[in-house]
Amino acid sequence: MAKARRQEALRITLTRSPIGTPKSHRVWLRGLGLRRIRHTVVRPNTSQVQGLIHKLSYMITVEKVT
């Protein structure tokens, strides 16, 4: 029987205001579940989430959850 792999999680926090950013960046923030400054969400470490993190890296901070 194969062991289930425990997937890493990422804690993502919005640190800058999305005011003045392109509309697509605001839509991506909503896709991550971030609504306001200092709002934190926990998301699985998948390639889709990493792509969003790469696009929004100038306005969010990311930490690994252990």
Protein backbone atom coordinates (compact mmCIF):
# COMPACT_ATOMS: atom_id res chain seq x y z
CA MET A 1 0.00 0.00 0.00
CA ALA A 2 1.38 3.40 -0.99
CA LYS A 3 1.74 6.10 1.63
CA ALA A 4 -0.20 9.29 1.09
CA ARG A 5 2.14 12.22 0.51
CA ARG A 6 1.57 15.20 2.71
CA GLN A 7 1.45 18.26 0.51
CA GLU A 8 3.19 21.42 1.66
CA ALA A 9 1.11 24.49 2.29
CA LEU A 10 1.92 28.16 1.82
CA ARG A 11 0.78 31.06 3.99
CA ILE A 12 0.15 34.05 1.71
CA THR A 13 -0.35 37.58 3.08
CA LEU A 14 -1.36 40.70 1.15
CA THR A 15 1.10 43.47 2.09
CA ARG A 16 0.36 46.22 -0.46
CA SER A 17 -2.86 47.78 -1.63
CA PRO A 18 -4.16 46.64 -5.03
CA ILE A 19 -5.34 50.19 -5.79
CA GLY A 20 -3.68 51.36 -9.01
CA THR A 21 -2.72 47.86 -10.15
CA PRO A 22 -3.98 46.27 -13.37
CA LYS A 23 -7.46 44.77 -13.13
CA SER A 24 -6.08 41.30 -13.88
CA HIS A 25 -3.88 41.50 -10.75
CA ARG A 26 -6.92 42.35 -8.62
CA VAL A 27 -8.76 39.37 -10.12
CA TRP A 28 -5.82 37.07 -9.32
CA LEU A 29 -5.81 38.32 -5.72
CA ARG A 30 -9.47 37.39 -5.41
CA GLY A 31 -8.62 34.01 -6.91
CA LEU A 32 -6.15 33.43 -4.10
CA GLY A 33 -8.78 34.55 -1.58
CA LEU A 34 -7.04 37.77 -0.51
CA ARG A 35 -9.45 40.61 0.19
CA ARG A 36 -7.69 43.31 2.20
CA ILE A 37 -4.24 44.37 3.41
CA ARG A 38 -2.74 42.00 6.04
CA HIS A 39 -5.29 39.32 5.13
CA THR A 40 -3.67 35.87 5.26
CA VAL A 41 -4.75 32.65 3.56
CA VAL A 42 -3.25 29.16 3.46
CA ARG A 43 -3.07 27.50 0.05
CA PRO A 44 -1.53 24.22 -1.15
CA ASN A 45 1.85 24.43 -2.87
CA THR A 46 0.74 23.67 -6.44
CA SER A 47 2.04 24.93 -9.74
CA GLN A 48 -1.10 27.05 -10.25
CA VAL A 49 -0.66 28.80 -6.92
CA GLN A 50 3.05 29.30 -7.56
CA GLY A 51 2.24 30.97 -10.89
CA LEU A 52 -0.09 33.43 -9.15
CA ILE A 53 2.55 34.07 -6.49
CA HIS A 54 5.10 34.83 -9.20
CA LYS A 55 2.77 37.35 -10.87
CA LEU A 56 1.84 39.07 -7.60
CA SER A 57 5.19 38.86 -5.81
CA TYR A 58 5.48 42.65 -5.49
CA MET A 59 2.39 42.88 -3.26
CA ILE A 60 2.36 39.65 -1.21
CA THR A 61 4.58 37.76 1.20
CA VAL A 62 4.81 33.96 1.26
CA GLU A 63 5.84 31.59 4.06
CA LYS A 64 5.94 27.81 4.20
CA VAL A 65 3.59 26.22 6.72
CA THR A 66 5.14 23.37 8.66
